Amino acid sequence: MKAVILGPPGAGKGTCAKIIGEIYGIPVITTGDMLRAAVARMTPLGLTAKSYMDRGELVPDDLVNDMVTERLKESDAEGGFILDGYPRSPRQAEALERILKTSGKKLNQVLHIKLEDKTIIDRLSKRRSCPRCGAIFHLDNKPPKAKGKCDACNTELVQRDDDKPEVIKRRLEVYREKTQPLLDFYKKKGLIKVIRGDINLMDLPTTLKRVLNSRVRTKPHEQPQG
């Protein structure tokens, strides 16, 4: 499987991608994690990307394309992969096609996760992260054992700048303006399959297997939904 997972921030792409990776034995390539690691290491890419990420803007295509190109050359991606957070625009999607074509590969799945803005804002604004080990918690669904402290390393948890309500709203605007056109791009290729972002976690693996293994494709004449 060579797949892309699409959807607004906070829709559950990371969770779904992890489950899919485990089901099919393929690596999850998450550009957001790679970018945040570059920021933490203060690499030239990280320093350039940080100013965009802090504003909820997309990192320029050329920077992300180069990073993905190098990642897909690694041996664990030879048998398949799932991309989470890339592509985010038709231009990036075209770049991905060129990247894959050089090694004789092409996408065979695009999963679109749908979730309402109100639910997304509530979900992300209650997320907390550990700046030391990267562990993620949620004030409602996965609270830390000790208030405000990481379970793994006891570091003080923080709210990422891009998880603050005002930045989340901007991220959703950017998604609608620049990322959602990807649905048109991939619908024309008959690759898109849709799943709701509010499915119970216990039911998610079974639902994902059913959707991804189905032969039904979204018809090209159907219009993308929010």
N, C-alpha and C. Protein backbone atom coordinates (compact mmCIF):
# COMPACT_ATOMS: atom_id res chain seq x y z
N MET A 1 0.83 -1.19 0.00
CA MET A 1 0.00 0.00 0.00
C MET A 1 0.87 1.24 0.00
N LYS A 2 0.54 2.16 -0.90
CA LYS A 2 1.18 3.46 -0.95
C LYS A 2 0.05 4.49 -0.85
N ALA A 3 -0.10 5.08 0.32
CA ALA A 3 -1.31 5.85 0.61
C ALA A 3 -1.01 7.23 1.15
N VAL A 4 -2.01 8.10 0.98
CA VAL A 4 -2.01 9.44 1.55
C VAL A 4 -3.25 9.56 2.42
N ILE A 5 -3.13 10.24 3.56
CA ILE A 5 -4.29 10.47 4.41
C ILE A 5 -4.53 11.97 4.48
N LEU A 6 -5.76 12.38 4.18
CA LEU A 6 -6.14 13.79 4.11
C LEU A 6 -7.23 14.12 5.12
N GLY A 7 -7.31 15.38 5.49
CA GLY A 7 -8.34 15.83 6.41
C GLY A 7 -7.87 17.06 7.15
N PRO A 8 -8.78 17.80 7.76
CA PRO A 8 -8.40 19.01 8.48
C PRO A 8 -7.57 18.68 9.71
N PRO A 9 -6.82 19.65 10.23
CA PRO A 9 -6.05 19.41 11.46
C PRO A 9 -6.98 19.00 12.58
N GLY A 10 -6.56 17.99 13.34
CA GLY A 10 -7.37 17.54 14.47
C GLY A 10 -8.43 16.52 14.13
N ALA A 11 -8.50 16.09 12.86
CA ALA A 11 -9.53 15.13 12.45
C ALA A 11 -9.18 13.70 12.84
N GLY A 12 -7.94 13.47 13.26
CA GLY A 12 -7.54 12.12 13.65
C GLY A 12 -6.64 11.43 12.64
N LYS A 13 -5.99 12.21 11.78
CA LYS A 13 -5.14 11.62 10.75
C LYS A 13 -4.01 10.79 11.35
N GLY A 14 -3.37 11.33 12.40
CA GLY A 14 -2.26 10.62 13.01
C GLY A 14 -2.67 9.28 13.59
N THR A 15 -3.81 9.26 14.27
CA THR A 15 -4.31 8.02 14.86
C THR A 15 -4.62 6.99 13.78
N CYS A 16 -5.33 7.43 12.75
CA CYS A 16 -5.69 6.51 11.65
C CYS A 16 -4.44 6.01 10.93
N ALA A 17 -3.48 6.91 10.70
CA ALA A 17 -2.25 6.51 10.00
C ALA A 17 -1.49 5.46 10.79
N LYS A 18 -1.42 5.63 12.11
CA LYS A 18 -0.72 4.66 12.96
C LYS A 18 -1.37 3.28 12.87
N ILE A 19 -2.70 3.26 12.92
CA ILE A 19 -3.42 1.98 12.83
C ILE A 19 -3.20 1.33 11.47
N ILE A 20 -3.28 2.12 10.41
CA ILE A 20 -3.06 1.59 9.06
C ILE A 20 -1.65 1.04 8.93
N GLY A 21 -0.67 1.76 9.48
CA GLY A 21 0.71 1.28 9.43
C GLY A 21 0.87 -0.06 10.10
N GLU A 22 0.18 -0.25 11.24
CA GLU A 22 0.26 -1.52 11.96
C GLU A 22 -0.46 -2.63 11.21
N ILE A 23 -1.61 -2.31 10.61
CA ILE A 23 -2.38 -3.32 9.88
C ILE A 23 -1.60 -3.85 8.67
N TYR A 24 -1.00 -2.93 7.91
CA TYR A 24 -0.36 -3.32 6.65
C TYR A 24 1.16 -3.45 6.75
N GLY A 25 1.72 -3.17 7.92
CA GLY A 25 3.16 -3.31 8.09
C GLY A 25 3.97 -2.33 7.27
N ILE A 26 3.52 -1.08 7.22
CA ILE A 26 4.21 -0.05 6.44
C ILE A 26 4.53 1.14 7.35
N PRO A 27 5.57 1.92 7.00
CA PRO A 27 5.92 3.07 7.84
C PRO A 27 4.94 4.23 7.67
N VAL A 28 4.71 4.93 8.76
CA VAL A 28 3.92 6.17 8.72
C VAL A 28 4.90 7.33 8.59
N ILE A 29 4.79 8.06 7.51
CA ILE A 29 5.69 9.19 7.26
C ILE A 29 4.92 10.46 7.56
N THR A 30 5.26 11.09 8.68
CA THR A 30 4.52 12.25 9.16
C THR A 30 5.39 13.49 9.01
N THR A 31 5.05 14.33 8.05
CA THR A 31 5.86 15.50 7.79
C THR A 31 5.83 16.48 8.95
N GLY A 32 4.70 16.55 9.65
CA GLY A 32 4.61 17.46 10.79
C GLY A 32 5.63 17.12 11.86
N ASP A 33 5.77 15.82 12.16
CA ASP A 33 6.75 15.37 13.16
C ASP A 33 8.17 15.67 12.69
N MET A 34 8.42 15.44 11.40
CA MET A 34 9.76 15.69 10.87
C MET A 34 10.10 17.18 10.95
N LEU A 35 9.12 18.02 10.65
CA LEU A 35 9.35 19.47 10.72
C LEU A 35 9.58 19.92 12.16
N ARG A 36 8.75 19.41 13.09
CA ARG A 36 8.92 19.81 14.50
C ARG A 36 10.27 19.34 15.04
N ALA A 37 10.75 18.18 14.58
CA ALA A 37 12.06 17.70 15.00
C ALA A 37 13.15 18.64 14.48
N ALA A 38 12.98 19.11 13.25
CA ALA A 38 13.95 20.03 12.67
C ALA A 38 13.94 21.36 13.43
N VAL A 39 12.76 21.80 13.87
CA VAL A 39 12.65 23.02 14.67
C VAL A 39 13.37 22.84 16.01
N ALA A 40 13.13 21.69 16.65
CA ALA A 40 13.74 21.42 17.96
C ALA A 40 15.27 21.38 17.85
N ARG A 41 15.79 20.85 16.72
CA ARG A 41 17.24 20.75 16.53
C ARG A 41 17.83 22.06 16.02
N MET A 42 16.94 23.02 15.68
CA MET A 42 17.35 24.34 15.18
C MET A 42 18.19 24.21 13.91
N THR A 43 17.80 23.27 13.04
CA THR A 43 18.46 23.15 11.74
C THR A 43 18.03 24.31 10.86
N PRO A 44 18.74 24.57 9.77
CA PRO A 44 18.32 25.65 8.86
C PRO A 44 16.87 25.47 8.39
N LEU A 45 16.50 24.21 8.05
CA LEU A 45 15.12 23.95 7.64
C LEU A 45 14.16 24.25 8.78
N GLY A 46 14.53 23.82 9.99
CA GLY A 46 13.67 24.04 11.14
C GLY A 46 13.45 25.51 11.44
N LEU A 47 14.50 26.29 11.38
CA LEU A 47 14.39 27.72 11.66
C LEU A 47 13.53 28.42 10.62
N THR A 48 13.66 28.00 9.36
CA THR A 48 12.83 28.60 8.32
C THR A 48 11.37 28.19 8.48
N ALA A 49 11.16 26.90 8.80
CA ALA A 49 9.79 26.38 8.92
C ALA A 49 9.06 26.95 10.13
N LYS A 50 9.78 27.24 11.22
CA LYS A 50 9.14 27.65 12.47
C LYS A 50 8.28 28.90 12.33
N SER A 51 8.76 29.87 11.55
CA SER A 51 8.00 31.11 11.43
C SER A 51 6.65 30.87 10.75
N TYR A 52 6.59 29.91 9.82
CA TYR A 52 5.33 29.57 9.17
C TYR A 52 4.43 28.77 10.11
N MET A 53 5.00 27.79 10.80
CA MET A 53 4.21 26.92 11.66
C MET A 53 3.59 27.69 12.82
N ASP A 54 4.33 28.64 13.40
CA ASP A 54 3.81 29.41 14.52
C ASP A 54 2.60 30.25 14.14
N ARG A 55 2.50 30.60 12.86
CA ARG A 55 1.35 31.39 12.38
C ARG A 55 0.23 30.51 11.84
N GLY A 56 0.44 29.20 11.84
CA GLY A 56 -0.56 28.30 11.29
C GLY A 56 -0.54 28.25 9.78
N GLU A 57 0.56 28.73 9.17
CA GLU A 57 0.69 28.74 7.72
C GLU A 57 1.39 27.46 7.25
N LEU A 58 1.26 27.17 5.96
CA LEU A 58 1.94 26.01 5.39
C LEU A 58 3.41 26.34 5.12
N VAL A 59 4.27 25.36 5.38
CA VAL A 59 5.69 25.50 5.07
C VAL A 59 5.84 25.46 3.55
N PRO A 60 6.72 26.30 2.96
CA PRO A 60 6.87 26.34 1.49
C PRO A 60 7.10 24.96 0.88
N ASP A 61 6.52 24.76 -0.29
CA ASP A 61 6.55 23.47 -0.96
C ASP A 61 7.96 22.90 -1.16
N ASP A 62 8.89 23.73 -1.61
CA ASP A 62 10.22 23.22 -1.94
C ASP A 62 10.89 22.57 -0.74
N LEU A 63 10.73 23.17 0.43
CA LEU A 63 11.34 22.62 1.64
C LEU A 63 10.75 21.25 1.97
N VAL A 64 9.43 21.16 1.90
CA VAL A 64 8.76 19.90 2.25
C VAL A 64 9.03 18.83 1.20
N ASN A 65 9.00 19.20 -0.07
CA ASN A 65 9.25 18.24 -1.15
C ASN A 65 10.62 17.59 -1.00
N ASP A 66 11.63 18.39 -0.68
CA ASP A 66 12.98 17.85 -0.52
C ASP A 66 13.04 16.87 0.65
N MET A 67 12.35 17.20 1.73
CA MET A 67 12.35 16.34 2.90
C MET A 67 11.67 15.01 2.60
N VAL A 68 10.53 15.05 1.89
CA VAL A 68 9.81 13.82 1.55
C VAL A 68 10.60 12.97 0.57
N THR A 69 11.24 13.61 -0.39
CA THR A 69 12.06 12.88 -1.37
C THR A 69 13.10 12.02 -0.68
N GLU A 70 13.81 12.62 0.27
CA GLU A 70 14.85 11.88 0.99
C GLU A 70 14.25 10.77 1.84
N ARG A 71 13.10 11.04 2.47
CA ARG A 71 12.50 10.02 3.35
C ARG A 71 12.05 8.79 2.56
N LEU A 72 11.48 8.99 1.37
CA LEU A 72 10.97 7.88 0.58
C LEU A 72 12.08 7.02 -0.02
N LYS A 73 13.31 7.52 0.04
CA LYS A 73 14.45 6.74 -0.44
C LYS A 73 14.91 5.72 0.58
N GLU A 74 14.46 5.85 1.84
CA GLU A 74 14.89 4.94 2.88
C GLU A 74 14.28 3.56 2.68
N SER A 75 15.01 2.54 3.11
CA SER A 75 14.66 1.15 2.80
C SER A 75 13.30 0.72 3.34
N ASP A 76 12.87 1.26 4.49
CA ASP A 76 11.61 0.80 5.06
C ASP A 76 10.39 1.23 4.25
N ALA A 77 10.57 2.18 3.32
CA ALA A 77 9.45 2.66 2.50
C ALA A 77 9.34 1.93 1.17
N GLU A 78 10.26 0.98 0.92
CA GLU A 78 10.25 0.28 -0.36
C GLU A 78 9.00 -0.56 -0.55
N GLY A 79 8.49 -1.14 0.53
CA GLY A 79 7.32 -2.01 0.42
C GLY A 79 5.99 -1.31 0.62
N GLY A 80 6.01 0.01 0.74
CA GLY A 80 4.78 0.77 0.94
C GLY A 80 4.94 1.79 2.05
N PHE A 81 3.97 2.68 2.18
CA PHE A 81 4.04 3.74 3.17
C PHE A 81 2.67 4.41 3.25
N ILE A 82 2.49 5.20 4.31
CA ILE A 82 1.34 6.09 4.38
C ILE A 82 1.84 7.46 4.76
N LEU A 83 1.48 8.47 3.98
CA LEU A 83 1.92 9.85 4.20
C LEU A 83 0.84 10.60 4.97
N ASP A 84 1.25 11.19 6.10
CA ASP A 84 0.35 11.97 6.94
C ASP A 84 0.87 13.41 6.99
N GLY A 85 0.09 14.34 6.44
CA GLY A 85 0.50 15.74 6.43
C GLY A 85 1.12 16.19 5.12
N TYR A 86 1.16 15.30 4.16
CA TYR A 86 1.71 15.61 2.83
C TYR A 86 1.08 14.66 1.83
N PRO A 87 0.67 15.17 0.65
CA PRO A 87 0.71 16.56 0.21
C PRO A 87 -0.42 17.39 0.81
N ARG A 88 -0.25 18.71 0.79
CA ARG A 88 -1.26 19.62 1.30
C ARG A 88 -1.77 20.60 0.24
N SER A 89 -1.34 20.42 -0.98
CA SER A 89 -1.80 21.27 -2.08
C SER A 89 -1.67 20.48 -3.38
N PRO A 90 -2.43 20.86 -4.41
CA PRO A 90 -2.28 20.17 -5.70
C PRO A 90 -0.84 20.22 -6.22
N ARG A 91 -0.16 21.33 -5.95
CA ARG A 91 1.22 21.45 -6.41
C ARG A 91 2.11 20.40 -5.73
N GLN A 92 1.90 20.21 -4.42
CA GLN A 92 2.66 19.17 -3.72
C GLN A 92 2.28 17.78 -4.22
N ALA A 93 0.99 17.59 -4.55
CA ALA A 93 0.54 16.30 -5.07
C ALA A 93 1.22 15.97 -6.40
N GLU A 94 1.37 16.98 -7.24
CA GLU A 94 2.06 16.79 -8.51
C GLU A 94 3.53 16.47 -8.27
N ALA A 95 4.13 17.14 -7.27
CA ALA A 95 5.52 16.86 -6.93
C ALA A 95 5.67 15.43 -6.42
N LEU A 96 4.70 14.97 -5.62
CA LEU A 96 4.74 13.60 -5.11
C LEU A 96 4.68 12.59 -6.26
N GLU A 97 3.84 12.86 -7.25
CA GLU A 97 3.77 11.96 -8.40
C GLU A 97 5.12 11.86 -9.10
N ARG A 98 5.80 13.00 -9.23
CA ARG A 98 7.12 12.99 -9.86
C ARG A 98 8.13 12.23 -9.01
N ILE A 99 8.07 12.44 -7.69
CA ILE A 99 8.98 11.75 -6.77
C ILE A 99 8.82 10.24 -6.88
N LEU A 100 7.55 9.79 -6.89
CA LEU A 100 7.28 8.35 -6.94
C LEU A 100 7.62 7.76 -8.31
N LYS A 101 7.38 8.54 -9.35
CA LYS A 101 7.62 8.05 -10.71
C LYS A 101 9.08 7.69 -10.93
N THR A 102 9.99 8.40 -10.27
CA THR A 102 11.41 8.12 -10.45
C THR A 102 11.79 6.72 -9.97
N SER A 103 10.96 6.16 -9.08
CA SER A 103 11.24 4.80 -8.59
C SER A 103 10.18 3.81 -9.06
N GLY A 104 9.39 4.20 -10.07
CA GLY A 104 8.40 3.30 -10.63
C GLY A 104 7.21 3.04 -9.73
N LYS A 105 6.89 3.96 -8.84
CA LYS A 105 5.78 3.79 -7.92
C LYS A 105 4.66 4.80 -8.19
N LYS A 106 3.48 4.52 -7.63
CA LYS A 106 2.39 5.47 -7.67
C LYS A 106 1.43 5.20 -6.51
N LEU A 107 0.65 6.20 -6.13
CA LEU A 107 -0.30 6.03 -5.04
C LEU A 107 -1.41 5.07 -5.44
N ASN A 108 -1.94 4.31 -4.45
CA ASN A 108 -3.10 3.48 -4.74
C ASN A 108 -4.24 3.68 -3.74
N GLN A 109 -4.06 4.58 -2.75
CA GLN A 109 -5.12 4.88 -1.80
C GLN A 109 -4.99 6.33 -1.34
N VAL A 110 -6.13 7.02 -1.20
CA VAL A 110 -6.18 8.34 -0.56
C VAL A 110 -7.38 8.32 0.39
N LEU A 111 -7.10 8.40 1.68
CA LEU A 111 -8.15 8.35 2.69
C LEU A 111 -8.48 9.77 3.15
N HIS A 112 -9.76 10.13 3.04
CA HIS A 112 -10.21 11.47 3.45
C HIS A 112 -11.02 11.36 4.73
N ILE A 113 -10.53 12.01 5.80
CA ILE A 113 -11.24 12.01 7.08
C ILE A 113 -12.02 13.32 7.22
N LYS A 114 -13.29 13.21 7.60
CA LYS A 114 -14.16 14.39 7.71
C LYS A 114 -14.58 14.61 9.16
N LEU A 115 -14.53 15.88 9.60
CA LEU A 115 -14.95 16.23 10.96
C LEU A 115 -15.30 17.71 10.99
N GLU A 116 -16.32 18.07 11.80
CA GLU A 116 -16.78 19.45 11.88
C GLU A 116 -15.76 20.34 12.60
N ASP A 117 -15.73 21.63 12.20
CA ASP A 117 -14.78 22.59 12.78
C ASP A 117 -14.93 22.69 14.30
N LYS A 118 -16.16 22.74 14.79
CA LYS A 118 -16.39 22.91 16.23
C LYS A 118 -15.74 21.78 17.02
N THR A 119 -15.88 20.57 16.53
CA THR A 119 -15.29 19.41 17.20
C THR A 119 -13.77 19.48 17.14
N ILE A 120 -13.24 19.92 16.01
CA ILE A 120 -11.79 20.03 15.85
C ILE A 120 -11.20 21.03 16.83
N ILE A 121 -11.81 22.21 16.94
CA ILE A 121 -11.29 23.26 17.84
C ILE A 121 -11.31 22.77 19.28
N ASP A 122 -12.39 22.11 19.68
CA ASP A 122 -12.48 21.59 21.05
C ASP A 122 -11.42 20.52 21.28
N ARG A 123 -11.24 19.66 20.32
CA ARG A 123 -10.29 18.55 20.45
C ARG A 123 -8.86 19.05 20.55
N LEU A 124 -8.46 19.95 19.66
CA LEU A 124 -7.07 20.40 19.63
C LEU A 124 -6.72 21.35 20.77
N SER A 125 -7.65 22.20 21.16
CA SER A 125 -7.35 23.18 22.20
C SER A 125 -7.14 22.53 23.57
N LYS A 126 -7.58 21.27 23.71
CA LYS A 126 -7.39 20.55 24.97
C LYS A 126 -6.21 19.58 24.91
N ARG A 127 -5.45 19.65 23.83
CA ARG A 127 -4.29 18.78 23.70
C ARG A 127 -3.07 19.41 24.39
N ARG A 128 -2.27 18.58 25.05
CA ARG A 128 -1.05 19.05 25.70
C ARG A 128 0.11 18.15 25.27
N SER A 129 1.30 18.73 25.15
CA SER A 129 2.46 17.99 24.66
C SER A 129 3.62 18.08 25.64
N CYS A 130 4.47 17.07 25.62
CA CYS A 130 5.69 17.08 26.42
C CYS A 130 6.82 17.61 25.56
N PRO A 131 7.43 18.74 25.93
CA PRO A 131 8.51 19.31 25.11
C PRO A 131 9.79 18.48 25.15
N ARG A 132 9.87 17.57 26.09
CA ARG A 132 11.09 16.76 26.23
C ARG A 132 11.04 15.46 25.44
N CYS A 133 9.97 14.65 25.65
CA CYS A 133 9.93 13.34 24.99
C CYS A 133 8.88 13.26 23.87
N GLY A 134 8.07 14.30 23.71
CA GLY A 134 7.10 14.33 22.62
C GLY A 134 5.78 13.65 22.90
N ALA A 135 5.58 13.13 24.12
CA ALA A 135 4.31 12.46 24.45
C ALA A 135 3.14 13.45 24.34
N ILE A 136 1.99 12.93 23.89
CA ILE A 136 0.80 13.74 23.69
C ILE A 136 -0.30 13.32 24.67
N PHE A 137 -0.96 14.30 25.27
CA PHE A 137 -2.05 14.04 26.20
C PHE A 137 -3.25 14.89 25.81
N HIS A 138 -4.43 14.56 26.36
CA HIS A 138 -5.64 15.33 26.12
C HIS A 138 -6.35 15.50 27.45
N LEU A 139 -6.78 16.72 27.73
CA LEU A 139 -7.36 17.01 29.04
C LEU A 139 -8.60 16.18 29.33
N ASP A 140 -9.34 15.78 28.29
CA ASP A 140 -10.55 14.98 28.48
C ASP A 140 -10.32 13.50 28.22
N ASN A 141 -9.73 13.20 27.06
CA ASN A 141 -9.64 11.80 26.61
C ASN A 141 -8.41 11.04 27.08
N LYS A 142 -7.32 11.76 27.36
CA LYS A 142 -6.09 11.09 27.80
C LYS A 142 -5.32 12.01 28.76
N PRO A 143 -5.90 12.29 29.92
CA PRO A 143 -5.23 13.21 30.86
C PRO A 143 -4.00 12.57 31.48
N PRO A 144 -2.99 13.37 31.83
CA PRO A 144 -1.81 12.82 32.50
C PRO A 144 -2.18 12.35 33.90
N LYS A 145 -1.42 11.39 34.42
CA LYS A 145 -1.69 10.86 35.76
C LYS A 145 -1.52 11.94 36.82
N ALA A 146 -0.46 12.76 36.67
CA ALA A 146 -0.25 13.90 37.56
C ALA A 146 -0.56 15.17 36.77
N LYS A 147 -1.40 16.02 37.32
CA LYS A 147 -1.86 17.20 36.60
C LYS A 147 -0.70 18.03 36.06
N GLY A 148 -0.73 18.25 34.73
CA GLY A 148 0.27 19.09 34.09
C GLY A 148 1.64 18.48 33.91
N LYS A 149 1.80 17.18 34.24
CA LYS A 149 3.11 16.54 34.14
C LYS A 149 3.07 15.35 33.18
N CYS A 150 4.16 15.15 32.45
CA CYS A 150 4.27 14.02 31.53
C CYS A 150 4.38 12.72 32.30
N ASP A 151 3.61 11.70 31.91
CA ASP A 151 3.66 10.40 32.57
C ASP A 151 5.04 9.74 32.43
N ALA A 152 5.68 9.97 31.28
CA ALA A 152 6.93 9.27 30.98
C ALA A 152 8.15 9.89 31.64
N CYS A 153 8.24 11.25 31.62
CA CYS A 153 9.47 11.89 32.10
C CYS A 153 9.23 12.98 33.13
N ASN A 154 7.97 13.18 33.52
CA ASN A 154 7.60 14.14 34.57
C ASN A 154 7.90 15.59 34.20
N THR A 155 8.07 15.86 32.90
CA THR A 155 8.29 17.22 32.43
C THR A 155 6.97 17.98 32.40
N GLU A 156 7.03 19.30 32.63
CA GLU A 156 5.84 20.13 32.59
C GLU A 156 5.26 20.14 31.17
N LEU A 157 3.98 19.81 31.05
CA LEU A 157 3.34 19.79 29.73
C LEU A 157 3.05 21.19 29.24
N VAL A 158 3.01 21.35 27.92
CA VAL A 158 2.75 22.66 27.32
C VAL A 158 1.66 22.54 26.26
N GLN A 159 1.06 23.67 25.95
CA GLN A 159 0.14 23.75 24.83
C GLN A 159 0.90 24.32 23.65
N ARG A 160 1.04 23.54 22.59
CA ARG A 160 1.75 24.03 21.41
C ARG A 160 1.08 25.27 20.86
N ASP A 161 1.87 26.17 20.28
CA ASP A 161 1.30 27.39 19.70
C ASP A 161 0.22 27.08 18.67
N ASP A 162 0.43 26.00 17.88
CA ASP A 162 -0.55 25.68 16.84
C ASP A 162 -1.76 24.92 17.37
N ASP A 163 -1.84 24.73 18.70
CA ASP A 163 -3.02 24.13 19.32
C ASP A 163 -3.87 25.18 20.05
N LYS A 164 -3.52 26.44 19.93
CA LYS A 164 -4.30 27.50 20.56
C LYS A 164 -5.47 27.85 19.64
N PRO A 165 -6.66 28.13 20.23
CA PRO A 165 -7.89 28.32 19.42
C PRO A 165 -7.74 29.29 18.24
N GLU A 166 -7.06 30.43 18.47
CA GLU A 166 -6.95 31.41 17.38
C GLU A 166 -6.11 30.89 16.23
N VAL A 167 -5.08 30.07 16.56
CA VAL A 167 -4.24 29.50 15.51
C VAL A 167 -4.96 28.34 14.82
N ILE A 168 -5.74 27.57 15.60
CA ILE A 168 -6.51 26.47 15.02
C ILE A 168 -7.46 27.00 13.96
N LYS A 169 -8.15 28.10 14.27
CA LYS A 169 -9.09 28.68 13.30
C LYS A 169 -8.37 29.08 12.02
N ARG A 170 -7.17 29.64 12.18
CA ARG A 170 -6.40 30.02 11.00
C ARG A 170 -5.96 28.78 10.23
N ARG A 171 -5.57 27.72 10.94
CA ARG A 171 -5.17 26.48 10.28
C ARG A 171 -6.33 25.90 9.47
N LEU A 172 -7.53 26.00 9.99
CA LEU A 172 -8.70 25.49 9.26
C LEU A 172 -8.98 26.32 8.02
N GLU A 173 -8.75 27.64 8.13
CA GLU A 173 -8.91 28.50 6.96
C GLU A 173 -7.90 28.13 5.88
N VAL A 174 -6.66 27.90 6.31
CA VAL A 174 -5.62 27.51 5.36
C VAL A 174 -5.97 26.17 4.72
N TYR A 175 -6.50 25.25 5.52
CA TYR A 175 -6.89 23.94 4.99
C TYR A 175 -7.92 24.10 3.88
N ARG A 176 -8.96 24.89 4.16
CA ARG A 176 -10.03 25.05 3.17
C ARG A 176 -9.52 25.75 1.91
N GLU A 177 -8.66 26.75 2.11
CA GLU A 177 -8.19 27.54 0.97
C GLU A 177 -7.19 26.79 0.09
N LYS A 178 -6.29 26.04 0.73
CA LYS A 178 -5.15 25.49 0.00
C LYS A 178 -5.12 23.96 -0.07
N THR A 179 -5.63 23.29 0.93
CA THR A 179 -5.51 21.83 0.96
C THR A 179 -6.72 21.13 0.39
N GLN A 180 -7.90 21.65 0.66
CA GLN A 180 -9.10 20.94 0.20
C GLN A 180 -9.16 20.74 -1.30
N PRO A 181 -8.60 21.63 -2.13
CA PRO A 181 -8.58 21.35 -3.58
C PRO A 181 -7.94 20.02 -3.95
N LEU A 182 -7.17 19.43 -3.02
CA LEU A 182 -6.60 18.11 -3.27
C LEU A 182 -7.69 17.07 -3.50
N LEU A 183 -8.85 17.28 -2.88
CA LEU A 183 -9.95 16.34 -3.08
C LEU A 183 -10.35 16.27 -4.54
N ASP A 184 -10.41 17.42 -5.20
CA ASP A 184 -10.71 17.44 -6.64
C ASP A 184 -9.62 16.70 -7.42
N PHE A 185 -8.37 16.97 -7.06
CA PHE A 185 -7.23 16.37 -7.74
C PHE A 185 -7.30 14.84 -7.69
N TYR A 186 -7.54 14.30 -6.47
CA TYR A 186 -7.54 12.85 -6.31
C TYR A 186 -8.87 12.20 -6.68
N LYS A 187 -9.97 12.95 -6.63
CA LYS A 187 -11.24 12.39 -7.08
C LYS A 187 -11.17 12.04 -8.57
N LYS A 188 -10.52 12.90 -9.33
CA LYS A 188 -10.40 12.65 -10.77
C LYS A 188 -9.62 11.37 -11.06
N LYS A 189 -8.78 10.98 -10.10
CA LYS A 189 -7.99 9.76 -10.27
C LYS A 189 -8.68 8.54 -9.66
N GLY A 190 -9.86 8.76 -9.04
CA GLY A 190 -10.62 7.66 -8.45
C GLY A 190 -9.95 7.01 -7.26
N LEU A 191 -9.18 7.79 -6.48
CA LEU A 191 -8.41 7.21 -5.37
C LEU A 191 -9.03 7.43 -4.00
N ILE A 192 -9.98 8.36 -3.89
CA ILE A 192 -10.44 8.78 -2.56
C ILE A 192 -11.46 7.82 -1.95
N LYS A 193 -11.25 7.55 -0.66
CA LYS A 193 -12.21 6.85 0.18
C LYS A 193 -12.42 7.70 1.43
N VAL A 194 -13.65 7.72 1.95
CA VAL A 194 -14.01 8.64 3.03
C VAL A 194 -14.31 7.89 4.31
N ILE A 195 -13.89 8.49 5.45
CA ILE A 195 -14.19 7.94 6.76
C ILE A 195 -14.48 9.10 7.71
N ARG A 196 -15.36 8.91 8.67
CA ARG A 196 -15.67 9.94 9.65
C ARG A 196 -14.55 10.03 10.70
N GLY A 197 -14.33 11.24 11.21
CA GLY A 197 -13.30 11.42 12.21
C GLY A 197 -13.76 11.26 13.63
N ASP A 198 -15.03 10.88 13.82
CA ASP A 198 -15.56 10.73 15.18
C ASP A 198 -15.90 9.27 15.51
N ILE A 199 -15.31 8.33 14.80
CA ILE A 199 -15.54 6.91 15.06
C ILE A 199 -14.86 6.49 16.36
N ASN A 200 -15.53 5.68 17.14
CA ASN A 200 -14.97 5.17 18.39
C ASN A 200 -13.64 4.47 18.13
N LEU A 201 -12.65 4.75 19.00
CA LEU A 201 -11.31 4.21 18.79
C LEU A 201 -11.29 2.69 18.72
N MET A 202 -12.16 2.02 19.47
CA MET A 202 -12.21 0.56 19.46
C MET A 202 -12.69 0.02 18.12
N ASP A 203 -13.54 0.80 17.44
CA ASP A 203 -14.10 0.36 16.16
C ASP A 203 -13.24 0.77 14.96
N LEU A 204 -12.27 1.63 15.21
CA LEU A 204 -11.52 2.23 14.11
C LEU A 204 -10.73 1.22 13.27
N PRO A 205 -9.98 0.28 13.85
CA PRO A 205 -9.24 -0.67 13.01
C PRO A 205 -10.12 -1.44 12.04
N THR A 206 -11.26 -1.95 12.54
CA THR A 206 -12.17 -2.71 11.68
C THR A 206 -12.73 -1.84 10.58
N THR A 207 -13.09 -0.60 10.92
CA THR A 207 -13.65 0.31 9.93
C THR A 207 -12.63 0.66 8.86
N LEU A 208 -11.39 0.92 9.29
CA LEU A 208 -10.34 1.26 8.34
C LEU A 208 -10.06 0.12 7.38
N LYS A 209 -9.99 -1.10 7.90
CA LYS A 209 -9.76 -2.25 7.02
C LYS A 209 -10.89 -2.40 6.00
N ARG A 210 -12.12 -2.22 6.47
CA ARG A 210 -13.27 -2.36 5.56
C ARG A 210 -13.22 -1.31 4.46
N VAL A 211 -12.95 -0.06 4.84
CA VAL A 211 -12.94 1.03 3.86
C VAL A 211 -11.78 0.89 2.88
N LEU A 212 -10.59 0.62 3.39
CA LEU A 212 -9.42 0.55 2.52
C LEU A 212 -9.41 -0.68 1.64
N ASN A 213 -10.02 -1.76 2.08
CA ASN A 213 -10.06 -2.98 1.27
C ASN A 213 -11.23 -3.04 0.31
N SER A 214 -12.14 -2.06 0.41
CA SER A 214 -13.29 -2.03 -0.50
C SER A 214 -12.84 -1.61 -1.89
N ARG A 215 -13.63 -2.02 -2.87
CA ARG A 215 -13.34 -1.67 -4.25
C ARG A 215 -14.11 -0.43 -4.70
N VAL A 216 -14.94 0.09 -3.82
CA VAL A 216 -15.76 1.25 -4.18
C VAL A 216 -14.91 2.50 -4.17
N ARG A 217 -15.00 3.29 -5.21
CA ARG A 217 -14.27 4.55 -5.31
C ARG A 217 -15.28 5.69 -5.38
N THR A 218 -14.88 6.88 -4.89
CA THR A 218 -15.74 8.06 -5.03
C THR A 218 -15.84 8.41 -6.48
N LYS A 219 -17.06 8.63 -6.95
CA LYS A 219 -17.27 8.93 -8.36
C LYS A 219 -16.71 10.32 -8.69
N PRO A 220 -16.09 10.48 -9.87
CA PRO A 220 -15.48 11.76 -10.23
C PRO A 220 -16.45 12.93 -10.20
N HIS A 221 -17.77 12.67 -10.47
CA HIS A 221 -18.70 13.79 -10.54
C HIS A 221 -19.16 14.27 -9.16
N GLU A 222 -18.84 13.51 -8.11
CA GLU A 222 -19.24 13.91 -6.77
C GLU A 222 -18.37 15.05 -6.29
N GLN A 223 -18.96 16.01 -5.57
CA GLN A 223 -18.22 17.16 -5.11
C GLN A 223 -17.64 16.90 -3.72
N PRO A 224 -16.43 17.40 -3.42
CA PRO A 224 -15.84 17.20 -2.12
C PRO A 224 -16.64 17.90 -1.03
N GLN A 225 -16.72 17.26 0.14
CA GLN A 225 -17.41 17.83 1.28
C GLN A 225 -16.39 18.35 2.27
N GLY A 226 -16.82 19.35 3.16
CA GLY A 226 -16.00 20.02 4.11
C GLY A 226 -14.96 19.27 4.82
